Protein backbone atom coordinates (compact mmCIF):
# COMPACT_ATOMS: atom_id res chain seq x y z
CA MET A 1 13.78 -8.69 20.10
CA LYS A 2 14.74 -11.78 18.94
CA HIS A 3 14.26 -15.07 20.79
CA SER A 4 16.32 -15.23 24.11
CA HIS A 5 18.76 -12.36 23.24
CA TRP A 6 16.55 -9.39 24.27
CA LEU A 7 15.21 -11.42 27.32
CA ALA A 8 19.00 -12.03 28.49
CA ALA A 9 19.52 -8.25 28.00
CA VAL A 10 16.81 -7.44 30.11
CA ALA A 11 17.66 -9.56 33.02
CA ALA A 12 21.22 -8.31 32.76
CA LEU A 13 20.02 -4.57 33.27
CA GLY A 14 17.91 -5.85 36.25
CA LEU A 15 14.67 -5.13 34.85
CA ALA A 16 13.17 -8.59 35.07
CA ALA A 17 13.19 -11.16 38.12
CA PRO A 18 15.99 -13.64 38.11
CA ALA A 19 15.13 -16.81 36.06
CA GLY A 20 15.03 -18.85 39.24
CA ALA A 21 12.79 -16.39 41.19
CA GLN A 22 9.33 -17.45 42.39
CA GLN A 23 6.60 -15.34 40.74
CA ALA A 24 3.16 -15.13 42.09
CA ALA A 25 0.51 -15.66 39.39
CA THR A 26 -1.24 -12.31 38.28
CA THR A 27 -4.80 -12.24 37.13
CA ILE A 28 -5.40 -9.66 34.47
CA ALA A 29 -8.82 -8.32 34.40
CA VAL A 30 -10.31 -8.92 30.92
CA PRO A 31 -13.37 -6.68 29.90
CA GLY A 32 -16.53 -8.51 29.63
CA PRO A 33 -18.63 -9.54 26.54
CA GLN A 34 -19.62 -6.38 24.57
CA ALA A 35 -20.35 -5.13 21.08
CA ILE A 36 -19.02 -2.17 19.16
CA SER A 37 -21.72 0.76 19.29
CA ALA A 38 -23.24 2.46 16.19
CA ALA A 39 -21.69 5.51 17.44
CA ASP A 40 -18.35 4.28 17.81
CA LYS A 41 -18.62 2.64 14.34
CA GLN A 42 -19.60 6.22 13.12
CA THR A 43 -16.58 7.92 14.80
CA GLY A 44 -14.14 5.29 13.37
CA ALA A 45 -15.48 5.61 9.85
CA GLN A 46 -15.20 9.39 9.81
CA ALA A 47 -11.47 9.24 11.29
CA ASP A 48 -10.44 6.32 9.10
CA PRO A 49 -9.77 8.10 5.74
CA GLU A 50 -7.89 11.08 7.33
CA LEU A 51 -5.72 8.78 9.60
CA THR A 52 -5.13 6.38 6.49
CA ALA A 53 -3.91 9.18 4.42
CA GLU A 54 -1.70 10.74 7.02
CA TYR A 55 0.20 7.57 7.36
CA GLY A 56 0.67 7.19 3.35
CA GLY A 57 -2.45 5.17 2.75
CA VAL A 58 -2.84 1.39 2.84
CA TYR A 59 0.16 -0.66 1.89
CA ALA A 60 -0.81 -3.05 -0.83
CA GLY A 61 1.84 -5.70 -0.25
CA PRO A 62 0.92 -9.23 0.75
CA GLN A 63 1.99 -8.39 4.35
CA ALA A 64 -1.19 -6.32 4.65
CA GLN A 65 -3.25 -9.82 4.69
CA LEU A 66 -0.92 -11.20 7.32
CA VAL A 67 -1.57 -8.17 9.56
CA ARG A 68 -5.61 -8.93 8.88
CA GLN A 69 -5.26 -12.59 9.60
CA VAL A 70 -3.22 -12.26 12.82
CA GLY A 71 -5.48 -9.03 14.08
CA LEU A 72 -8.73 -10.98 13.67
CA LYS A 73 -7.12 -14.01 15.32
CA VAL A 74 -6.23 -11.91 18.42
CA ALA A 75 -9.17 -9.79 18.38
CA ALA A 76 -11.42 -13.04 18.75
CA GLN A 77 -9.84 -13.35 22.26
CA SER A 78 -11.37 -9.87 23.32
CA ARG A 79 -15.09 -10.97 23.91
CA ILE A 80 -16.05 -8.30 21.42
CA ALA A 81 -18.87 -9.70 19.21
CA ALA A 82 -18.89 -9.51 15.49
CA VAL A 83 -15.02 -9.28 15.20
CA GLU A 84 -15.02 -10.72 11.48
CA ARG A 85 -17.44 -7.99 10.51
CA ASP A 86 -16.61 -4.91 12.76
CA PHE A 87 -12.94 -4.80 12.92
CA SER A 88 -10.66 -3.38 10.31
CA PHE A 89 -7.02 -4.09 10.58
CA LYS A 90 -4.80 -1.97 8.19
CA LEU A 91 -0.95 -2.08 7.24
CA LEU A 92 -0.08 1.74 6.33
CA ASN A 93 2.45 2.59 3.87
CA SER A 94 4.72 4.58 6.46
CA GLY A 95 8.36 3.89 7.47
CA VAL A 96 7.58 5.53 11.03
CA PRO A 97 7.12 2.71 13.45
CA ASN A 98 3.66 3.15 14.82
CA ALA A 99 0.55 1.42 15.75
CA PHE A 100 -2.76 2.95 17.03
CA ALA A 101 -6.49 2.27 17.23
CA VAL A 102 -9.58 4.33 16.91
CA PRO A 103 -13.32 3.72 18.29
CA GLY A 104 -15.24 1.44 15.96
CA GLY A 105 -12.79 -1.48 15.79
CA TYR A 106 -10.21 0.40 13.51
CA VAL A 107 -6.54 -1.01 14.24
CA TYR A 108 -3.45 0.42 12.29
CA THR A 109 0.06 -0.59 12.20
CA THR A 110 2.54 0.64 10.01
CA ARG A 111 5.16 -1.21 7.84
CA GLY A 112 7.94 0.56 9.69
CA LEU A 113 6.79 -1.26 12.86
CA LEU A 114 6.25 -4.49 10.97
CA ALA A 115 9.93 -4.56 9.87
CA LEU A 116 11.07 -4.22 13.42
CA MET A 117 9.31 -7.51 14.09
CA ASN A 118 11.16 -10.90 14.01
CA ASN A 119 8.13 -13.32 14.59
CA GLU A 120 4.24 -13.65 14.46
CA ALA A 121 3.90 -13.34 18.26
CA GLU A 122 5.33 -9.94 18.36
CA LEU A 123 2.82 -8.79 15.69
CA ALA A 124 0.19 -10.62 17.93
CA PHE A 125 1.03 -8.77 20.86
CA VAL A 126 1.08 -5.35 19.26
CA LEU A 127 -2.50 -5.90 17.55
CA GLY A 128 -3.73 -7.39 20.84
CA HIS A 129 -2.41 -4.26 22.50
CA GLU A 130 -4.24 -1.95 20.10
CA THR A 131 -7.36 -4.28 20.49
CA GLY A 132 -6.99 -4.03 24.21
CA HIS A 133 -7.52 -0.22 24.02
CA ILE A 134 -10.64 -0.58 22.27
CA ALA A 135 -11.84 -3.22 24.50
CA ALA A 136 -11.35 -1.29 27.49
CA ARG A 137 -12.80 1.96 25.82
CA HIS A 138 -9.76 3.94 26.33
CA THR A 139 -10.38 5.25 22.65
CA ASP A 140 -13.32 7.14 24.18
CA GLN A 141 -10.96 9.51 25.81
CA ARG A 142 -9.08 12.64 24.82
CA GLN A 143 -7.21 13.02 21.52
CA LYS A 144 -4.12 14.91 21.03
CA VAL A 145 -1.57 15.69 18.15
CA THR A 146 1.28 13.25 17.59
CA GLN A 147 4.80 14.96 17.21
CA ARG A 148 5.62 12.32 14.35
CA SER A 149 2.91 13.72 12.38
CA VAL A 150 3.49 16.42 9.71
CA LEU A 151 4.84 19.39 11.91
CA LEU A 152 6.76 18.52 14.94
CA GLY A 153 5.35 19.74 18.17
CA THR A 154 7.66 22.49 18.60
CA LEU A 155 6.82 24.17 15.29
CA GLY A 156 3.26 23.72 15.70
CA GLN A 157 3.47 25.54 19.12
CA THR A 158 5.39 28.33 17.61
CA LEU A 159 3.31 28.80 14.72
CA LEU A 160 0.06 29.00 16.87
CA GLY A 161 1.99 31.39 19.17
CA ALA A 162 3.09 33.68 16.22
CA ILE A 163 -0.59 33.76 14.86
CA LEU A 164 -1.95 34.74 18.42
CA GLY A 165 0.26 37.50 18.60
CA ASN A 166 -0.48 41.03 17.16
CA GLY A 167 1.95 40.91 14.20
CA ALA A 168 1.05 41.94 10.48
CA MET A 169 -0.85 38.99 9.55
CA GLY A 170 -4.34 40.74 10.80
CA GLN A 171 -6.83 39.03 12.50
CA VAL A 172 -7.16 35.24 11.47
CA GLY A 173 -9.54 34.40 14.20
CA ASN A 174 -9.65 34.20 18.07
CA GLN A 175 -10.87 30.81 18.83
CA ILE A 176 -7.98 28.63 17.41
CA GLY A 177 -6.79 26.83 20.44
CA GLN A 178 -5.63 23.25 20.54
CA ALA A 179 -8.10 22.58 17.52
CA GLY A 180 -5.96 24.81 15.48
CA ILE A 181 -2.85 22.90 16.07
CA GLN A 182 -4.74 19.75 15.23
CA ARG A 183 -5.91 20.98 11.94
CA LEU A 184 -2.59 22.33 11.24
CA VAL A 185 -0.83 19.07 11.30
CA VAL A 186 -3.22 17.08 9.48
CA GLY A 187 -4.45 14.24 11.28
CA THR A 188 -4.72 13.12 15.00
CA VAL A 189 -3.87 9.95 16.86
CA MET A 190 -5.56 8.70 20.03
CA SER A 191 -3.45 9.31 23.16
CA HIS A 192 -3.87 7.38 26.43
CA SER A 193 -2.59 7.73 29.82
CA ARG A 194 0.29 5.65 31.40
CA GLN A 195 -2.38 3.52 33.21
CA ASP A 196 -4.27 3.03 30.16
CA GLU A 197 -0.87 1.71 28.25
CA PHE A 198 -0.18 -0.53 30.64
CA GLU A 199 -3.45 -2.06 30.83
CA ALA A 200 -3.50 -2.48 26.92
CA ASP A 201 -0.22 -4.08 27.45
CA ASP A 202 -1.76 -6.47 29.76
CA LEU A 203 -4.42 -7.35 27.50
CA GLY A 204 -2.22 -7.65 24.67
CA VAL A 205 -0.33 -10.17 26.44
CA VAL A 206 -3.55 -12.09 27.53
CA TYR A 207 -5.00 -12.01 23.82
CA ALA A 208 -1.81 -13.10 22.42
CA ARG A 209 -1.55 -16.14 24.61
CA GLN A 210 -4.90 -17.03 24.26
CA ALA A 211 -4.56 -17.16 20.54
CA GLY A 212 -1.83 -19.65 21.00
CA TYR A 213 1.03 -17.50 20.74
CA ASP A 214 4.24 -17.00 23.09
CA ALA A 215 3.38 -13.93 25.17
CA THR A 216 7.02 -13.15 26.21
CA ALA A 217 7.52 -11.83 22.67
CA SER A 218 5.78 -8.80 24.04
CA SER A 219 8.86 -7.71 25.64
CA ASP A 220 10.80 -8.16 22.60
CA ILE A 221 8.93 -5.80 20.37
CA LEU A 222 8.98 -3.12 22.94
CA ALA A 223 12.68 -3.57 23.46
CA SER A 224 13.23 -3.23 19.64
CA LEU A 225 11.18 -0.05 19.81
CA ALA A 226 13.14 1.53 22.54
CA ALA A 227 16.48 0.33 20.63
CA GLN A 228 15.13 2.04 17.28
CA THR A 229 14.14 5.09 19.08
CA ALA A 230 17.68 5.48 20.59
CA LEU A 231 19.43 4.69 17.43
CA ASP A 232 17.23 7.36 15.49
CA ALA A 233 18.03 9.81 18.16
CA ARG A 234 21.98 9.44 18.07
CA LEU A 235 21.75 9.20 14.22
CA THR A 236 19.92 12.60 13.90
CA GLY A 237 21.32 14.27 16.76
CA GLN A 238 18.03 14.75 18.48
CA SER A 239 17.71 12.80 21.90
CA ARG A 240 14.41 12.66 23.44
CA THR A 241 13.46 11.87 27.09
CA THR A 242 10.00 10.33 25.28
CA PRO A 243 10.05 8.36 22.37
CA GLY A 244 8.39 9.71 19.36
CA TRP A 245 6.62 6.17 18.78
CA ALA A 246 5.09 6.67 22.24
CA LEU A 247 4.62 10.20 23.36
CA SER A 248 2.38 9.55 26.34
CA HIS A 249 3.56 5.92 26.84
CA PRO A 250 5.45 4.84 30.18
CA ASP A 251 9.11 4.53 30.20
CA PRO A 252 10.03 1.79 27.45
CA ALA A 253 12.49 -0.03 29.97
CA ALA A 254 9.61 -0.21 32.41
CA ARG A 255 7.10 -1.71 29.96
CA VAL A 256 9.92 -4.15 28.65
CA SER A 257 10.14 -5.54 32.18
CA ARG A 258 6.56 -5.27 32.96
CA ALA A 259 5.41 -7.00 29.76
CA LEU A 260 8.00 -9.82 30.18
CA GLN A 261 6.82 -10.18 33.83
CA ARG A 262 3.02 -10.48 33.10
CA ALA A 263 3.71 -12.87 30.27
CA ARG A 264 5.83 -15.22 32.75
CA GLN A 265 3.29 -14.87 35.29
CA GLN A 266 0.20 -16.37 33.37
CA THR A 267 -0.70 -19.82 34.19
CA ALA A 268 -0.32 -21.07 30.56
CA THR A 269 3.18 -21.36 29.20
CA GLY A 270 4.52 -21.80 25.80
CA GLY A 271 2.98 -20.92 22.38
CA THR A 272 4.24 -20.25 18.99
CA ARG A 273 6.39 -17.51 17.73
CA GLY A 274 6.35 -18.50 13.99
CA GLY A 275 9.67 -16.73 13.28
CA ASP A 276 11.10 -18.20 9.94
CA ALA A 277 7.41 -18.12 8.30
CA PHE A 278 6.83 -14.64 9.43
CA LEU A 279 10.31 -13.13 8.28
CA MET A 280 9.79 -14.79 4.87
CA ALA A 281 6.48 -12.76 4.61
CA LEU A 282 8.33 -9.71 5.08
CA ASN A 283 10.74 -10.37 2.27
CA GLY A 284 10.38 -7.77 -0.44
CA MET A 285 8.49 -5.25 1.90
CA ILE A 286 9.70 -1.45 1.25
CA TYR A 287 11.57 -0.28 4.26
CA GLY A 288 11.83 3.45 5.30
CA ASP A 289 10.65 6.04 2.64
CA ASP A 290 8.60 4.97 -0.46
CA PRO A 291 9.80 6.96 -3.34
CA ALA A 292 5.95 7.47 -4.35
CA GLN A 293 5.98 9.82 -1.10
CA GLY A 294 9.30 11.11 -1.66
CA VAL A 295 12.87 9.94 -0.09
CA ILE A 296 15.42 11.59 2.19
CA GLU A 297 19.00 10.55 1.41
CA GLY A 298 21.48 12.35 3.59
CA GLN A 299 20.46 15.89 3.58
CA THR A 300 18.57 15.89 0.29
CA PHE A 301 14.79 15.09 -0.02
CA ARG A 302 13.66 13.97 -3.76
CA TYR A 303 10.26 13.55 -5.04
CA PRO A 304 10.35 11.60 -8.01
CA PRO A 305 6.34 12.00 -9.02
CA ASP A 306 7.11 15.74 -9.76
CA ARG A 307 10.82 15.55 -10.14
CA ILE A 308 11.82 18.08 -7.72
CA GLN A 309 14.25 18.05 -5.02
CA PHE A 310 15.93 20.34 -2.15
CA THR A 311 18.92 19.93 0.25
CA ALA A 312 18.77 20.86 4.03
CA PRO A 313 21.73 22.84 5.26
CA VAL A 314 24.22 20.96 7.56
CA GLY A 315 22.65 21.19 11.12
CA TYR A 316 19.13 20.42 10.07
CA GLY A 317 17.28 17.19 9.88
CA MET A 318 14.22 16.20 7.92
CA ASN A 319 11.20 14.29 8.84
CA ASN A 320 8.97 12.87 5.92
CA GLY A 321 5.41 13.10 6.86
CA ALA A 322 2.65 11.84 4.36
CA ALA A 323 1.46 15.39 3.66
CA ALA A 324 4.67 17.52 4.08
CA VAL A 325 8.33 17.42 4.97
CA SER A 326 9.55 19.18 8.27
CA ILE A 327 12.94 20.70 8.53
CA THR A 328 14.29 21.19 12.19
CA PRO A 329 17.77 21.85 13.71
CA THR A 330 19.62 18.87 14.97
CA THR A 331 21.24 21.13 17.47
CA GLY A 332 17.95 22.43 19.13
CA ARG A 333 18.94 25.93 18.01
CA GLY A 334 17.97 27.58 14.78
CA GLY A 335 15.04 28.34 12.54
CA GLN A 336 12.21 25.67 11.24
CA ALA A 337 10.49 25.08 8.35
CA THR A 338 7.99 22.83 6.53
CA PHE A 339 7.48 21.76 2.87
CA THR A 340 4.00 21.39 1.47
CA GLY A 341 2.30 21.84 -1.82
CA GLY A 342 0.82 20.01 -4.72
CA LYS A 343 -1.97 21.27 -7.17
CA PHE A 344 -2.75 24.88 -7.26
CA ASP A 345 -4.95 26.94 -9.65
CA GLY A 346 -2.33 29.17 -11.16
CA ASN A 347 -2.89 32.30 -9.00
CA LEU A 348 0.33 32.25 -6.80
CA ASP A 349 -0.38 35.11 -4.63
CA ALA A 350 -3.52 33.32 -3.24
CA PHE A 351 -1.37 30.05 -2.86
CA VAL A 352 0.86 32.10 -0.71
CA ALA A 353 -2.14 33.41 1.43
CA ARG A 354 -3.64 30.05 1.66
CA GLN A 355 -0.31 28.93 3.42
CA PHE A 356 -0.28 31.66 6.03
CA ALA A 357 -4.22 30.94 6.57
CA ALA A 358 -3.42 27.14 7.20
CA LEU A 359 -1.16 28.34 10.21
CA SER A 360 -4.15 29.62 11.95
CA GLY A 361 -5.98 26.18 11.66
CA ASP A 362 -8.75 27.98 9.26
CA ALA A 363 -8.02 27.33 5.90
CA ASN A 364 -10.82 29.84 4.98
CA ALA A 365 -9.31 32.76 6.78
CA ARG A 366 -8.20 35.94 5.03
CA VAL A 367 -4.57 36.90 5.28
CA GLU A 368 -3.60 39.95 3.61
CA VAL A 369 -0.31 39.72 2.12
CA THR A 370 1.48 41.09 -1.11
CA PRO A 371 3.97 38.48 -2.24
CA GLN A 372 7.15 39.55 -4.14
CA ARG A 373 7.94 37.73 -7.34
CA THR A 374 11.37 36.19 -7.70
CA THR A 375 12.91 33.04 -9.58
CA ILE A 376 14.49 30.02 -7.95
CA ASN A 377 16.74 27.93 -10.46
CA GLY A 378 14.59 29.05 -13.20
CA LEU A 379 11.36 28.51 -11.60
CA THR A 380 8.72 31.20 -10.85
CA ALA A 381 8.43 32.02 -7.20
CA ALA A 382 6.89 34.41 -4.64
CA THR A 383 7.71 35.26 -1.14
CA ALA A 384 6.14 36.98 1.62
CA THR A 385 7.00 37.52 5.35
CA VAL A 386 4.68 38.59 8.21
CA ALA A 387 5.85 39.83 11.76
CA ALA A 388 4.61 37.96 14.74
CA SER A 389 5.31 36.97 18.20
CA SER A 390 5.77 33.71 20.02
CA GLY A 391 6.27 33.29 23.92
CA GLY A 392 7.11 37.03 24.01
CA GLN A 393 9.44 36.63 21.27
CA ALA A 394 9.69 38.43 18.17
CA VAL A 395 9.54 36.11 14.91
CA ASP A 396 9.07 36.11 11.28
CA ALA A 397 7.17 33.92 9.33
CA THR A 398 8.15 33.51 5.62
CA VAL A 399 6.47 31.67 2.91
CA VAL A 400 8.19 31.17 -0.34
CA ALA A 401 5.94 29.52 -3.01
CA ILE A 402 7.61 27.87 -6.10
CA VAL A 403 5.79 26.70 -9.25
CA ALA A 404 7.14 23.39 -10.06
CA ALA A 405 5.01 22.37 -13.17
CA PRO A 406 1.78 24.16 -14.64
CA GLY A 407 -0.86 23.39 -11.91
CA THR A 408 1.61 22.44 -9.28
CA ALA A 409 3.17 24.52 -6.66
CA TYR A 410 5.02 23.91 -3.30
CA ALA A 411 5.78 26.27 -0.65
CA PHE A 412 8.35 26.49 2.04
CA THR A 413 7.20 27.97 5.50
CA VAL A 414 10.12 29.45 7.47
CA ILE A 415 10.01 30.63 11.11
CA GLN A 416 13.24 32.50 12.17
CA PRO A 417 13.79 35.20 14.70
CA ARG A 418 12.43 38.82 13.96
CA GLY A 419 14.44 40.29 11.19
CA ALA A 420 16.56 37.22 10.10
CA GLY A 421 14.37 36.59 6.94
CA LEU A 422 15.03 33.15 5.80
CA GLY A 423 18.46 33.39 7.80
CA SER A 424 20.14 29.92 7.96
CA LEU A 425 17.47 28.33 5.90
CA ALA A 426 17.96 30.54 2.86
CA PRO A 427 20.25 27.58 1.39
CA LEU A 428 17.37 25.22 1.79
CA VAL A 429 14.91 27.55 -0.20
CA GLN A 430 17.59 28.04 -2.91
CA SER A 431 18.33 24.51 -3.24
CA PHE A 432 14.93 23.75 -4.76
CA ARG A 433 15.16 22.51 -8.42
CA ARG A 434 13.88 19.99 -10.84
CA MET A 435 15.32 16.91 -11.17
CA THR A 436 16.72 15.41 -14.24
CA ALA A 437 15.00 12.43 -15.88
CA ALA A 438 18.26 10.44 -15.08
CA GLU A 439 18.05 11.64 -11.40
CA THR A 440 14.44 10.52 -11.30
CA ALA A 441 14.68 7.31 -12.87
CA ALA A 442 17.70 6.44 -10.46
CA VAL A 443 15.82 6.92 -7.45
CA ARG A 444 15.39 3.45 -5.67
CA PRO A 445 13.42 2.30 -2.69
CA ARG A 446 15.15 0.31 0.21
CA VAL A 447 13.51 -3.08 0.71
CA ILE A 448 13.64 -6.05 3.06
CA GLN A 449 15.56 -9.05 2.04
CA VAL A 450 15.44 -12.08 4.38
CA VAL A 451 18.80 -14.17 4.03
CA THR A 452 19.92 -17.38 5.61
CA VAL A 453 23.09 -17.14 7.76
CA GLY A 454 25.90 -18.96 6.38
CA ARG A 455 28.64 -20.89 8.10
CA THR A 456 31.22 -17.99 7.48
CA ASP A 457 28.75 -15.23 8.07
CA THR A 458 29.24 -12.93 11.02
CA VAL A 459 27.27 -9.80 12.17
CA ALA A 460 29.72 -7.57 10.67
CA SER A 461 29.76 -9.19 7.35
CA LEU A 462 25.86 -9.53 7.06
CA ALA A 463 25.72 -5.89 7.91
CA GLY A 464 28.19 -4.79 5.42
CA ARG A 465 25.50 -5.75 2.86
CA MET A 466 22.97 -3.51 4.34
CA ALA A 467 22.01 -0.33 2.07
CA PHE A 468 23.14 2.51 4.09
CA ASP A 469 26.24 4.69 4.29
CA ASP A 470 26.57 4.79 8.16
CA ALA A 471 25.60 2.74 11.06
CA ARG A 472 25.23 -0.27 9.41
CA GLU A 473 25.99 -2.94 12.04
CA ASP A 474 23.85 -0.76 14.44
CA ARG A 475 21.01 -0.91 12.06
CA PHE A 476 21.35 -4.66 11.19
CA ARG A 477 21.33 -5.13 15.16
CA VAL A 478 18.31 -3.32 15.68
CA LEU A 479 16.60 -4.75 12.68
CA ASN A 480 17.29 -8.24 13.88
CA GLY A 481 17.18 -7.97 17.70
CA ILE A 482 20.74 -8.77 18.28
CA PRO A 483 22.41 -7.11 21.37
CA ALA A 484 25.79 -5.52 21.33
CA GLY A 485 28.68 -8.17 22.05
CA VAL A 486 27.17 -10.94 19.82
CA ARG A 487 29.35 -11.25 17.00
CA THR A 488 28.52 -14.68 15.17
CA LEU A 489 25.07 -16.24 14.46
CA PRO A 490 24.03 -19.77 14.14
CA ALA A 491 24.31 -20.99 10.64
CA GLY A 492 20.90 -21.69 9.16
CA ARG A 493 19.02 -18.54 11.04
CA ARG A 494 17.15 -16.37 9.02
CA VAL A 495 17.86 -12.47 9.23
CA LYS A 496 16.79 -9.38 7.64
CA LEU A 497 19.00 -7.25 5.65
CA VAL A 498 17.84 -3.69 3.84
CA VAL A 499 19.08 -3.90 0.34
CA TRP A 500 18.33 -1.65 -2.58
CA GLY A 501 15.20 -2.44 -4.58
CA THR A 502 14.44 -1.69 -8.24
CA ALA A 503 14.20 1.80 -9.51
CA GLY A 504 10.89 2.90 -10.23
CA ARG A 505 9.35 0.45 -7.92
CA SER A 506 7.02 1.68 -5.33
């Protein structure tokens, strides 16, 4: 990811041609002059509010202007008319590394992805890649749900199967299909074929190079994304054959090799990276969860705005989405749950019914349930279970709604085998409670801090300053693109740390 380190690692893995090998120049076909159509502008304008909200809204830090400036510079190479007027480049307030584009010139990247970058050239490639999707009109093609959305794909499929069964939920609509899942997970992103992704990589390389950047940085950020995915999988115990950041994308190792080869085969060489200036621009940016959206610390989720928290049982992991938290087993076995909610009108029974209706993808569906009243840590609650089937297996869907404050309610939706009730996730529900004022005030964000390597600093000593209880050195290496085996860094080099920010900041 950083300078020549990742390139050396790629070469060592046999993914790229030897340095001295003769490589024939490759001509990359670039789409001709065009303008964004009125129909595409309308499509993008309609999708933009939902997508922006799904990924935490716009991040208001100074890094947002950097994304826009680099995006416009790169998009100007695309031969699309009126880039300044018609393109929108947004930095989203999500800690999940991601970037995507929709018709109409709307390009998005998250601060989670920005944090993985170590120079401006990497950002130029990413934004060029997404601009390439628009220029090549890939975004005219199909949409599908991202598994990094509010509900993981497995849970979405389970719930869909349950509702389509003949359980006690009653008839909630027969025409659910894929659209039901899309509504269920609150937001969609564009998905592309393997060939589309390769073409967008090629265009990203060309646009970045023509904008004056070192296009070989393309392989660095792709390698960093792959490394982050592998680290996340190891830390959560959930390995994936396809990375969450690129569900339909080609194998990451193949993309690293291919992007590097394409960059080296272009006739023009050199270009700027803008490393130190770029890193300093990231200084102070929130890393990971934003307390305003809730934070996950170990097994506990805390939401300071409403002063609530809950703890997932051992053997379960959590994913903090913009509108919900998903709770899934780390071993691949066990029940699954989501946590959603917010404002409600005081009718708790109706609130429970709406949670079931939402599972059908039709918020207006009528679902007949009779919730039972209970209390959880002194808070008024109501619970109901409906029988359903999924893939020929009998399951129970249980909703537990809890009044957190006047006009505010939250709900756990739990899926377990038939007859298990809440089963292994009962401790999750029972752990829900109000936070004390002191606990709320103590919640702090993690932020990026850029430091200069001193003469006595080592990878281990710098990693020891990271604001994590586990895998500090692994996290430090991925964040800065430092391969295994490198123990010392040159004095004067700038690197990123993740440190604790100020309590109450978001």
